[in-house]
Every structure is written in C-alpha cells, then in structure tokens.
Amino acid sequence: MNSQEAFKVSILASGSSGNSLYIESEKQKILVDAGLSGKKITSLMNEVGRSPAELDAILVTHEHTDHIHGVGVLSRKHGIDVYANEKTWEAMTKNVGNIDPEHKRIFERGKTLTFGDMDIESFGVSHDAADPQFYQFHRNNKRFVVLTDTGYCSDRIKGTVKDADAYLMESNHDLSMLRMGKYPWSLKQRILGDKGHLSNEDGALVMTELIGNNTKRIYLGHLSRENNIKELAHMTMEHTLREHDFGVGHDLMVYDTDPDIASAMFAI
C-alpha cells in the first residue's frame, strides 16, 4: 500500500443471497458482515489473496441471515473479534452460536471507534431489523461508505456520508420487475416500504445528493436475484447521474458487484 492510499477494498459478495466486504489499511484487516458460509467466505478472500486468519475484526450491520451466516464460524475458528450494537447482538445470538465473550464487542449506532490506523463511524438506517447500522471508514482524509439495506435515505444519513471517495450503494430491485414478479404481496410491500430496500431508481437519486468533488467510485450492491438485472441497475444509475450532469465515465465510475465472485481489490 503506497502513501497515497488509505484503503484497499474487495466486495467479496453482495446480493440477496449473502453479503460480505473486506477492507484493509496498513495496520488493519476488517470484514463487514459475513452472510455466507465460513467456507465460502474463506474461498472469496482467497480469490483476492487474503485469509480470514488475518482478520482483526468482523463488523455486523444487522441480524438478517444474508449478513451473519458465517460470523460465528469464522470467529470461533480464527479467534476474531465481532462488533455489533447491543440490540443486534440480542437478535443474532441464537443464529451465530456461541462466541467467546472476549470476542464479543459492542459498537453502538452513531459512534466512531478507532481500529489501529483507521476510524470507523456507524450510522443508523431504516430497515426491518432490531437496530440496523452501516459504516463509514475514515483514514488519511479519505472515506469509504457502505450503505445497503435501507428503505429510504434520510437527510441525516445524507449529511453524514456526503462526498465520500467511494460508496457501496444499494440497488436492490427494479420496480417493474418487483411489481410484476412472483413474490407474495406482503413481501413486495415489505421491500417497497420505508424499512425495506432501495430500488435502482431510489439508489441512483440518493447518489445524486451524495456525490461531491471527492467521489470517484460507486459500487452497486445488494441486487435481488429475482427482481433485478445487473445491466438494468447499472444503466439506471449511469442514466440518472448523467441526467444530473455528473461526469460518469471520467469524473467518476460505476461498478457492478456479484453474489458469488469477489470484486478485484481496489484502492482508495
């Protein structure tokens, strides 16, 4: 890592079937969520030349299975500290199994904790979980934001995460595909509600309010297998940004993520 770089990041998996993100600085290696099996996450980390044995911490956003499936296994096998807020710990304990008390850490919503050479800020979101929160990473005057699993983006959130260098932003569903799809109406209502997920259109509109002079990379995350298509999410984001006069393709770039393949490591 050269002196100009604050972080290196790989989005190991992103989608309705499982989510996990790896971020490192010179002194820290951290996982955000572990929503796949321990074996799968190990394989995805190996794809980018890393191993769970190197991890300093796992940060949990909320207790849904597609974010915690491998948390307990990885912590027990490699002795990794797990961070979540108190309500999330209460909600997920039965699903992650026994974790050594010395590896159970509290990271409350709205707080900033220092991990070695980086500061990590948590912020609450609107989702149907006990106390969902996502994270903003700070180092060397650069910032990386993880923001998926929210039904809407409040002015408070926008103010907190505006003008970061890079984002993992939710593009969960295409509205027409969801409305015409096979999901039961109750599930459609949940996804479309204020505690559900951002659509391609909503995620793109949120980004038009977040982008600043520092913003160079937008990764589209948490795409639904049933109600979205990569090309559609990508096209919606780029089209919306161009409509708002952002220089897509030269000032900033839009990237896809995958539920099964780790993204190439990128530097911020």
C-alpha atoms as a PDB file:
ATOM      1  CA  MET A   1       0.000   0.000   0.000  1.00  0.00           C
ATOM      2  CA  ASN A   2       1.572   3.285  -1.062  1.00  0.00           C
ATOM      3  CA  SER A   3       1.427   6.527   0.906  1.00  0.00           C
ATOM      4  CA  GLN A   4      -1.380   7.917  -1.281  1.00  0.00           C
ATOM      5  CA  GLU A   5      -3.738   5.021  -0.486  1.00  0.00           C
ATOM      6  CA  ALA A   6      -5.966   4.947   2.583  1.00  0.00           C
ATOM      7  CA  PHE A   7      -7.665   1.612   1.976  1.00  0.00           C
ATOM      8  CA  LYS A   8      -7.820  -1.430  -0.208  1.00  0.00           C
ATOM      9  CA  VAL A   9     -11.271  -2.963  -0.602  1.00  0.00           C
ATOM     10  CA  SER A  10     -12.891  -6.023  -2.131  1.00  0.00           C
ATOM     11  CA  ILE A  11     -16.637  -6.553  -2.160  1.00  0.00           C
ATOM     12  CA  LEU A  12     -16.493 -10.302  -1.596  1.00  0.00           C
ATOM     13  CA  ALA A  13     -20.217 -10.869  -2.167  1.00  0.00           C
ATOM     14  CA  SER A  14     -23.220  -8.620  -2.480  1.00  0.00           C
ATOM     15  CA  GLY A  15     -26.802  -9.656  -3.121  1.00  0.00           C
ATOM     16  CA  SER A  16     -29.956 -11.007  -1.554  1.00  0.00           C
ATOM     17  CA  SER A  17     -28.261 -14.406  -1.029  1.00  0.00           C
ATOM     18  CA  GLY A  18     -25.330 -13.149   1.045  1.00  0.00           C
ATOM     19  CA  ASN A  19     -23.158 -10.115   1.760  1.00  0.00           C
ATOM     20  CA  SER A  20     -19.568  -9.614   2.850  1.00  0.00           C
ATOM     21  CA  LEU A  21     -16.986  -6.888   2.288  1.00  0.00           C
ATOM     22  CA  TYR A  22     -13.256  -6.851   3.026  1.00  0.00           C
ATOM     23  CA  ILE A  23     -11.349  -3.637   3.775  1.00  0.00           C
ATOM     24  CA  GLU A  24      -7.748  -3.156   4.837  1.00  0.00           C
ATOM     25  CA  SER A  25      -5.374  -0.364   5.773  1.00  0.00           C
ATOM     26  CA  GLU A  26      -1.676  -0.638   6.536  1.00  0.00           C
ATOM     27  CA  LYS A  27      -2.437  -1.926  10.034  1.00  0.00           C
ATOM     28  CA  GLN A  28      -5.970  -3.358   9.970  1.00  0.00           C
ATOM     29  CA  LYS A  29      -7.890  -6.049   8.091  1.00  0.00           C
ATOM     30  CA  ILE A  30     -11.646  -5.966   8.606  1.00  0.00           C
ATOM     31  CA  LEU A  31     -14.728  -7.770   7.337  1.00  0.00           C
ATOM     32  CA  VAL A  32     -18.116  -6.054   7.156  1.00  0.00           C
ATOM     33  CA  ASP A  33     -20.725  -8.791   7.526  1.00  0.00           C
ATOM     34  CA  ALA A  34     -20.269 -12.492   6.832  1.00  0.00           C
ATOM     35  CA  GLY A  35     -23.510 -13.523   5.188  1.00  0.00           C
ATOM     36  CA  LEU A  36     -22.250 -16.694   3.527  1.00  0.00           C
ATOM     37  CA  SER A  37     -20.764 -19.884   4.935  1.00  0.00           C
ATOM     38  CA  GLY A  38     -17.353 -19.694   6.536  1.00  0.00           C
ATOM     39  CA  LYS A  39     -16.044 -21.944   3.760  1.00  0.00           C
ATOM     40  CA  LYS A  40     -17.403 -19.657   1.029  1.00  0.00           C
ATOM     41  CA  ILE A  41     -16.020 -16.504   2.643  1.00  0.00           C
ATOM     42  CA  THR A  42     -12.633 -18.185   3.014  1.00  0.00           C
ATOM     43  CA  SER A  43     -12.730 -19.042  -0.684  1.00  0.00           C
ATOM     44  CA  LEU A  44     -13.740 -15.480  -1.655  1.00  0.00           C
ATOM     45  CA  MET A  45     -10.963 -13.987   0.473  1.00  0.00           C
ATOM     46  CA  ASN A  46      -8.501 -16.379  -1.129  1.00  0.00           C
ATOM     47  CA  GLU A  47      -9.594 -15.025  -4.539  1.00  0.00           C
ATOM     48  CA  VAL A  48      -8.091 -11.664  -3.560  1.00  0.00           C
ATOM     49  CA  GLY A  49      -5.049 -13.124  -1.829  1.00  0.00           C
ATOM     50  CA  ARG A  50      -6.272 -12.844   1.748  1.00  0.00           C
ATOM     51  CA  SER A  51      -7.300 -15.229   4.537  1.00  0.00           C
ATOM     52  CA  PRO A  52      -9.773 -14.987   7.439  1.00  0.00           C
ATOM     53  CA  ALA A  53      -6.869 -15.863   9.735  1.00  0.00           C
ATOM     54  CA  GLU A  54      -5.527 -12.337   9.068  1.00  0.00           C
ATOM     55  CA  LEU A  55      -8.707 -10.534  10.140  1.00  0.00           C
ATOM     56  CA  ASP A  56      -8.686  -8.149  13.096  1.00  0.00           C
ATOM     57  CA  ALA A  57     -12.474  -7.760  13.318  1.00  0.00           C
ATOM     58  CA  ILE A  58     -15.868  -8.529  11.817  1.00  0.00           C
ATOM     59  CA  LEU A  59     -18.361  -5.657  11.851  1.00  0.00           C
ATOM     60  CA  VAL A  60     -22.024  -6.661  11.714  1.00  0.00           C
ATOM     61  CA  THR A  61     -24.663  -4.359  10.219  1.00  0.00           C
ATOM     62  CA  HIS A  62     -27.782  -6.261  11.319  1.00  0.00           C
ATOM     63  CA  GLU A  63     -29.019  -9.745  12.168  1.00  0.00           C
ATOM     64  CA  HIS A  64     -30.530 -10.912   8.875  1.00  0.00           C
ATOM     65  CA  THR A  65     -29.106 -14.229   7.718  1.00  0.00           C
ATOM     66  CA  ASP A  66     -27.653 -12.842   4.489  1.00  0.00           C
ATOM     67  CA  HIS A  67     -25.359 -10.717   6.680  1.00  0.00           C
ATOM     68  CA  ILE A  68     -24.434 -13.051   9.580  1.00  0.00           C
ATOM     69  CA  HIS A  69     -24.467 -16.636   8.271  1.00  0.00           C
ATOM     70  CA  GLY A  70     -20.712 -17.192   8.686  1.00  0.00           C
ATOM     71  CA  VAL A  71     -19.996 -14.829  11.584  1.00  0.00           C
ATOM     72  CA  GLY A  72     -19.933 -17.421  14.376  1.00  0.00           C
ATOM     73  CA  VAL A  73     -17.927 -19.997  12.438  1.00  0.00           C
ATOM     74  CA  LEU A  74     -15.237 -17.501  11.440  1.00  0.00           C
ATOM     75  CA  SER A  75     -14.959 -16.001  14.922  1.00  0.00           C
ATOM     76  CA  ARG A  76     -14.642 -19.390  16.593  1.00  0.00           C
ATOM     77  CA  LYS A  77     -12.185 -20.813  14.079  1.00  0.00           C
ATOM     78  CA  HIS A  78      -9.864 -17.815  13.903  1.00  0.00           C
ATOM     79  CA  GLY A  79     -10.445 -16.028  17.237  1.00  0.00           C
ATOM     80  CA  ILE A  80     -11.838 -12.890  15.564  1.00  0.00           C
ATOM     81  CA  ASP A  81     -13.490 -10.036  17.468  1.00  0.00           C
ATOM     82  CA  VAL A  82     -17.095  -9.410  16.368  1.00  0.00           C
ATOM     83  CA  TYR A  83     -18.609  -5.930  16.662  1.00  0.00           C
ATOM     84  CA  ALA A  84     -22.337  -5.141  16.700  1.00  0.00           C
ATOM     85  CA  ASN A  85     -24.654  -2.930  18.727  1.00  0.00           C
ATOM     86  CA  GLU A  86     -26.472  -4.370  21.750  1.00  0.00           C
ATOM     87  CA  LYS A  87     -29.849  -4.887  20.073  1.00  0.00           C
ATOM     88  CA  THR A  88     -28.219  -6.635  17.129  1.00  0.00           C
ATOM     89  CA  TRP A  89     -26.283  -8.899  19.485  1.00  0.00           C
ATOM     90  CA  GLU A  90     -29.546  -9.835  21.220  1.00  0.00           C
ATOM     91  CA  ALA A  91     -31.249 -10.529  17.903  1.00  0.00           C
ATOM     92  CA  MET A  92     -28.470 -12.569  16.311  1.00  0.00           C
ATOM     93  CA  THR A  93     -27.062 -14.580  19.223  1.00  0.00           C
ATOM     94  CA  LYS A  94     -29.288 -17.606  18.598  1.00  0.00           C
ATOM     95  CA  ASN A  95     -28.173 -17.757  14.954  1.00  0.00           C
ATOM     96  CA  VAL A  96     -24.417 -17.252  15.311  1.00  0.00           C
ATOM     97  CA  GLY A  97     -23.920 -19.795  18.116  1.00  0.00           C
ATOM     98  CA  ASN A  98     -21.500 -19.472  20.987  1.00  0.00           C
ATOM     99  CA  ILE A  99     -18.887 -16.772  20.568  1.00  0.00           C
ATOM    100  CA  ASP A 100     -16.182 -16.396  23.216  1.00  0.00           C
ATOM    101  CA  PRO A 101     -17.204 -13.447  25.443  1.00  0.00           C
ATOM    102  CA  GLU A 102     -13.786 -11.871  24.957  1.00  0.00           C
ATOM    103  CA  HIS A 103     -14.525 -11.651  21.213  1.00  0.00           C
ATOM    104  CA  LYS A 104     -17.997 -10.085  21.656  1.00  0.00           C
ATOM    105  CA  ARG A 105     -17.657  -6.336  21.214  1.00  0.00           C
ATOM    106  CA  ILE A 106     -20.181  -3.509  21.316  1.00  0.00           C
ATOM    107  CA  PHE A 107     -20.270  -0.897  18.544  1.00  0.00           C
ATOM    108  CA  GLU A 108     -23.215   1.392  19.193  1.00  0.00           C
ATOM    109  CA  ARG A 109     -25.103   3.228  16.482  1.00  0.00           C
ATOM    110  CA  GLY A 110     -23.883   6.782  15.913  1.00  0.00           C
ATOM    111  CA  LYS A 111     -20.454   6.157  17.440  1.00  0.00           C
ATOM    112  CA  THR A 112     -16.967   6.297  15.932  1.00  0.00           C
ATOM    113  CA  LEU A 113     -14.373   3.734  17.035  1.00  0.00           C
ATOM    114  CA  THR A 114     -10.662   3.698  16.236  1.00  0.00           C
ATOM    115  CA  PHE A 115      -9.223   0.475  14.843  1.00  0.00           C
ATOM    116  CA  GLY A 116      -5.454   0.866  14.643  1.00  0.00           C
ATOM    117  CA  ASP A 117      -4.856   3.424  11.893  1.00  0.00           C
ATOM    118  CA  MET A 118      -8.494   3.900  10.799  1.00  0.00           C
ATOM    119  CA  ASP A 119     -11.616   5.426  12.312  1.00  0.00           C
ATOM    120  CA  ILE A 120     -14.929   3.701  11.675  1.00  0.00           C
ATOM    121  CA  GLU A 121     -18.196   5.591  12.065  1.00  0.00           C
ATOM    122  CA  SER A 122     -21.532   3.810  12.452  1.00  0.00           C
ATOM    123  CA  PHE A 123     -24.840   5.303  11.366  1.00  0.00           C
ATOM    124  CA  GLY A 124     -28.395   4.035  11.658  1.00  0.00           C
ATOM    125  CA  VAL A 125     -30.550   3.130   8.663  1.00  0.00           C
ATOM    126  CA  SER A 126     -34.252   2.367   8.095  1.00  0.00           C
ATOM    127  CA  HIS A 127     -34.628  -1.399   7.767  1.00  0.00           C
ATOM    128  CA  ASP A 128     -36.780  -4.088   9.386  1.00  0.00           C
ATOM    129  CA  ALA A 129     -34.133  -5.292  11.804  1.00  0.00           C
ATOM    130  CA  ALA A 130     -33.559  -4.751  15.530  1.00  0.00           C
ATOM    131  CA  ASP A 131     -31.152  -1.793  15.233  1.00  0.00           C
ATOM    132  CA  PRO A 132     -29.563  -1.762  11.774  1.00  0.00           C
ATOM    133  CA  GLN A 133     -26.441   0.308  11.187  1.00  0.00           C
ATOM    134  CA  PHE A 134     -23.858   0.696   8.449  1.00  0.00           C
ATOM    135  CA  TYR A 135     -20.324   2.018   8.433  1.00  0.00           C
ATOM    136  CA  GLN A 136     -18.142   4.804   7.091  1.00  0.00           C
ATOM    137  CA  PHE A 137     -14.373   4.292   7.082  1.00  0.00           C
ATOM    138  CA  HIS A 138     -12.010   7.240   7.591  1.00  0.00           C
ATOM    139  CA  ARG A 139      -8.251   7.342   7.002  1.00  0.00           C
ATOM    140  CA  ASN A 140      -5.784   9.876   5.527  1.00  0.00           C
ATOM    141  CA  ASN A 141      -8.642  12.296   4.764  1.00  0.00           C
ATOM    142  CA  LYS A 142     -10.341   9.664   2.614  1.00  0.00           C
ATOM    143  CA  ARG A 143     -13.678   7.955   3.225  1.00  0.00           C
ATOM    144  CA  PHE A 144     -15.422   4.793   2.113  1.00  0.00           C
ATOM    145  CA  VAL A 145     -19.150   4.263   2.793  1.00  0.00           C
ATOM    146  CA  VAL A 146     -21.118   1.007   2.988  1.00  0.00           C
ATOM    147  CA  LEU A 147     -24.858   1.694   2.614  1.00  0.00           C
ATOM    148  CA  THR A 148     -27.282  -1.100   1.711  1.00  0.00           C
ATOM    149  CA  ASP A 149     -30.460  -2.453   3.352  1.00  0.00           C
ATOM    150  CA  THR A 150     -32.391   0.746   3.879  1.00  0.00           C
ATOM    151  CA  GLY A 151     -35.898   1.655   2.765  1.00  0.00           C
ATOM    152  CA  TYR A 152     -35.036   5.309   2.379  1.00  0.00           C
ATOM    153  CA  CYS A 153     -32.085   7.614   2.977  1.00  0.00           C
ATOM    154  CA  SER A 154     -32.784  10.368   5.488  1.00  0.00           C
ATOM    155  CA  ASP A 155     -31.269  13.844   5.410  1.00  0.00           C
ATOM    156  CA  ARG A 156     -29.289  12.821   8.495  1.00  0.00           C
ATOM    157  CA  ILE A 157     -27.670   9.933   6.642  1.00  0.00           C
ATOM    158  CA  LYS A 158     -27.020  12.064   3.581  1.00  0.00           C
ATOM    159  CA  GLY A 159     -25.305  14.665   5.712  1.00  0.00           C
ATOM    160  CA  THR A 160     -23.161  12.018   7.392  1.00  0.00           C
ATOM    161  CA  VAL A 161     -21.910  10.269   4.243  1.00  0.00           C
ATOM    162  CA  LYS A 162     -21.899  13.050   1.620  1.00  0.00           C
ATOM    163  CA  ASP A 163     -18.859  13.429  -0.666  1.00  0.00           C
ATOM    164  CA  ALA A 164     -17.043  10.218   0.258  1.00  0.00           C
ATOM    165  CA  ASP A 165     -14.352   8.891  -2.081  1.00  0.00           C
ATOM    166  CA  ALA A 166     -16.214   5.644  -2.776  1.00  0.00           C
ATOM    167  CA  TYR A 167     -19.558   4.018  -1.995  1.00  0.00           C
ATOM    168  CA  LEU A 168     -21.145   0.616  -1.902  1.00  0.00           C
ATOM    169  CA  MET A 169     -24.720   1.757  -2.593  1.00  0.00           C
ATOM    170  CA  GLU A 170     -27.875  -0.304  -2.605  1.00  0.00           C
ATOM    171  CA  SER A 171     -29.576  -1.015  -5.955  1.00  0.00           C
ATOM    172  CA  ASN A 172     -31.819  -3.807  -4.743  1.00  0.00           C
ATOM    173  CA  HIS A 173     -34.640  -4.067  -7.247  1.00  0.00           C
ATOM    174  CA  ASP A 174     -36.200  -2.776 -10.415  1.00  0.00           C
ATOM    175  CA  LEU A 175     -39.671  -1.501  -9.532  1.00  0.00           C
ATOM    176  CA  SER A 176     -41.389  -3.051 -12.559  1.00  0.00           C
ATOM    177  CA  MET A 177     -39.739  -6.442 -12.061  1.00  0.00           C
ATOM    178  CA  LEU A 178     -40.704  -6.472  -8.386  1.00  0.00           C
ATOM    179  CA  ARG A 179     -44.317  -5.449  -9.015  1.00  0.00           C
ATOM    180  CA  MET A 180     -44.751  -7.989 -11.824  1.00  0.00           C
ATOM    181  CA  GLY A 181     -42.796 -10.748 -10.092  1.00  0.00           C
ATOM    182  CA  LYS A 182     -43.858 -13.840  -8.200  1.00  0.00           C
ATOM    183  CA  TYR A 183     -43.274 -12.569  -4.659  1.00  0.00           C
ATOM    184  CA  PRO A 184     -46.380 -12.517  -2.438  1.00  0.00           C
ATOM    185  CA  TRP A 185     -47.887  -9.068  -1.997  1.00  0.00           C
ATOM    186  CA  SER A 186     -46.873  -8.910   1.677  1.00  0.00           C
ATOM    187  CA  LEU A 187     -43.197  -9.374   0.748  1.00  0.00           C
ATOM    188  CA  LYS A 188     -43.456  -6.829  -2.053  1.00  0.00           C
ATOM    189  CA  GLN A 189     -44.904  -4.347   0.438  1.00  0.00           C
ATOM    190  CA  ARG A 190     -42.031  -5.023   2.829  1.00  0.00           C
ATOM    191  CA  ILE A 191     -39.385  -4.444   0.162  1.00  0.00           C
ATOM    192  CA  LEU A 192     -41.086  -1.281  -1.115  1.00  0.00           C
ATOM    193  CA  GLY A 193     -41.681   0.146   2.365  1.00  0.00           C
ATOM    194  CA  ASP A 194     -39.681   2.631   4.397  1.00  0.00           C
ATOM    195  CA  LYS A 195     -37.954  -0.258   6.191  1.00  0.00           C
ATOM    196  CA  GLY A 196     -37.228  -2.301   3.069  1.00  0.00           C
ATOM    197  CA  HIS A 197     -34.704  -1.753   0.291  1.00  0.00           C
ATOM    198  CA  LEU A 198     -33.754   0.999  -2.132  1.00  0.00           C
ATOM    199  CA  SER A 199     -34.775   0.428  -5.743  1.00  0.00           C
ATOM    200  CA  ASN A 200     -32.424   1.106  -8.637  1.00  0.00           C
ATOM    201  CA  GLU A 201     -34.139   4.460  -9.140  1.00  0.00           C
ATOM    202  CA  ASP A 202     -34.085   5.448  -5.475  1.00  0.00           C
ATOM    203  CA  GLY A 203     -30.457   4.419  -5.001  1.00  0.00           C
ATOM    204  CA  ALA A 204     -29.478   6.476  -8.036  1.00  0.00           C
ATOM    205  CA  LEU A 205     -31.385   9.530  -6.819  1.00  0.00           C
ATOM    206  CA  VAL A 206     -29.733   9.248  -3.403  1.00  0.00           C
ATOM    207  CA  MET A 207     -26.336   9.180  -5.099  1.00  0.00           C
ATOM    208  CA  THR A 208     -27.118  12.445  -6.929  1.00  0.00           C
ATOM    209  CA  GLU A 209     -27.306  14.075  -3.488  1.00  0.00           C
ATOM    210  CA  LEU A 210     -24.183  12.401  -2.111  1.00  0.00           C
ATOM    211  CA  ILE A 211     -21.643  12.845  -4.894  1.00  0.00           C
ATOM    212  CA  GLY A 212     -19.052  15.540  -4.308  1.00  0.00           C
ATOM    213  CA  ASN A 213     -15.662  16.506  -5.682  1.00  0.00           C
ATOM    214  CA  ASN A 214     -14.005  13.595  -3.855  1.00  0.00           C
ATOM    215  CA  THR A 215     -16.347  10.916  -5.200  1.00  0.00           C
ATOM    216  CA  LYS A 216     -14.675   8.631  -7.737  1.00  0.00           C
ATOM    217  CA  ARG A 217     -16.238   5.161  -7.355  1.00  0.00           C
ATOM    218  CA  ILE A 218     -19.789   3.844  -6.911  1.00  0.00           C
ATOM    219  CA  TYR A 219     -20.363   0.107  -6.473  1.00  0.00           C
ATOM    220  CA  LEU A 220     -23.914  -1.171  -6.903  1.00  0.00           C
ATOM    221  CA  GLY A 221     -24.818  -3.547  -4.096  1.00  0.00           C
ATOM    222  CA  HIS A 222     -27.410  -5.968  -2.745  1.00  0.00           C
ATOM    223  CA  LEU A 223     -29.073  -6.706  -6.101  1.00  0.00           C
ATOM    224  CA  SER A 224     -32.025  -9.065  -5.853  1.00  0.00           C
ATOM    225  CA  ARG A 225     -31.646 -12.282  -7.841  1.00  0.00           C
ATOM    226  CA  GLU A 226     -35.371 -12.340  -8.601  1.00  0.00           C
ATOM    227  CA  ASN A 227     -36.170  -8.670  -9.089  1.00  0.00           C
ATOM    228  CA  ASN A 228     -33.156  -7.113 -10.747  1.00  0.00           C
ATOM    229  CA  ILE A 229     -30.586  -7.474 -13.515  1.00  0.00           C
ATOM    230  CA  LYS A 230     -27.033  -6.123 -13.303  1.00  0.00           C
ATOM    231  CA  GLU A 231     -27.310  -4.342 -16.626  1.00  0.00           C
ATOM    232  CA  LEU A 232     -30.562  -2.667 -15.595  1.00  0.00           C
ATOM    233  CA  ALA A 233     -29.188  -1.468 -12.253  1.00  0.00           C
ATOM    234  CA  HIS A 234     -26.034  -0.180 -13.943  1.00  0.00           C
ATOM    235  CA  MET A 235     -27.948   1.581 -16.725  1.00  0.00           C
ATOM    236  CA  THR A 236     -30.343   3.214 -14.241  1.00  0.00           C
ATOM    237  CA  MET A 237     -27.508   4.567 -12.100  1.00  0.00           C
ATOM    238  CA  GLU A 238     -25.483   5.914 -15.029  1.00  0.00           C
ATOM    239  CA  HIS A 239     -28.522   7.413 -16.780  1.00  0.00           C
ATOM    240  CA  THR A 240     -29.709   9.167 -13.618  1.00  0.00           C
ATOM    241  CA  LEU A 241     -26.262  10.580 -12.855  1.00  0.00           C
ATOM    242  CA  ARG A 242     -25.873  11.865 -16.397  1.00  0.00           C
ATOM    243  CA  GLU A 243     -29.311  13.487 -16.198  1.00  0.00           C
ATOM    244  CA  HIS A 244     -27.964  15.389 -13.183  1.00  0.00           C
ATOM    245  CA  ASP A 245     -24.816  16.418 -15.107  1.00  0.00           C
ATOM    246  CA  PHE A 246     -22.333  14.138 -13.360  1.00  0.00           C
ATOM    247  CA  GLY A 247     -19.332  13.078 -15.442  1.00  0.00           C
ATOM    248  CA  VAL A 248     -19.884   9.329 -15.468  1.00  0.00           C
ATOM    249  CA  GLY A 249     -17.005   7.544 -17.164  1.00  0.00           C
ATOM    250  CA  HIS A 250     -14.376  10.180 -16.480  1.00  0.00           C
ATOM    251  CA  ASP A 251     -15.015  12.092 -13.210  1.00  0.00           C
ATOM    252  CA  LEU A 252     -16.464   9.012 -11.538  1.00  0.00           C
ATOM    253  CA  MET A 253     -17.039   5.354 -12.384  1.00  0.00           C
ATOM    254  CA  VAL A 254     -19.926   2.969 -11.676  1.00  0.00           C
ATOM    255  CA  TYR A 255     -19.069  -0.683 -10.948  1.00  0.00           C
ATOM    256  CA  ASP A 256     -21.096  -3.858 -10.528  1.00  0.00           C
ATOM    257  CA  THR A 257     -20.799  -6.371  -7.705  1.00  0.00           C
ATOM    258  CA  ASP A 258     -21.576 -10.081  -7.697  1.00  0.00           C
ATOM    259  CA  PRO A 259     -23.189 -12.519  -5.239  1.00  0.00           C
ATOM    260  CA  ASP A 260     -20.620 -15.243  -5.949  1.00  0.00           C
ATOM    261  CA  ILE A 261     -17.398 -13.611  -7.203  1.00  0.00           C
ATOM    262  CA  ALA A 262     -15.167 -11.227  -5.230  1.00  0.00           C
ATOM    263  CA  SER A 263     -14.531  -7.865  -6.865  1.00  0.00           C
ATOM    264  CA  ALA A 264     -10.927  -7.128  -7.753  1.00  0.00           C
ATOM    265  CA  MET A 265      -9.184  -5.341  -4.891  1.00  0.00           C
ATOM    266  CA  PHE A 266      -9.360  -1.580  -5.447  1.00  0.00           C
ATOM    267  CA  ALA A 267      -7.511   1.258  -3.739  1.00  0.00           C
ATOM    268  CA  ILE A 268      -8.991   4.397  -2.210  1.00  0.00           C
END
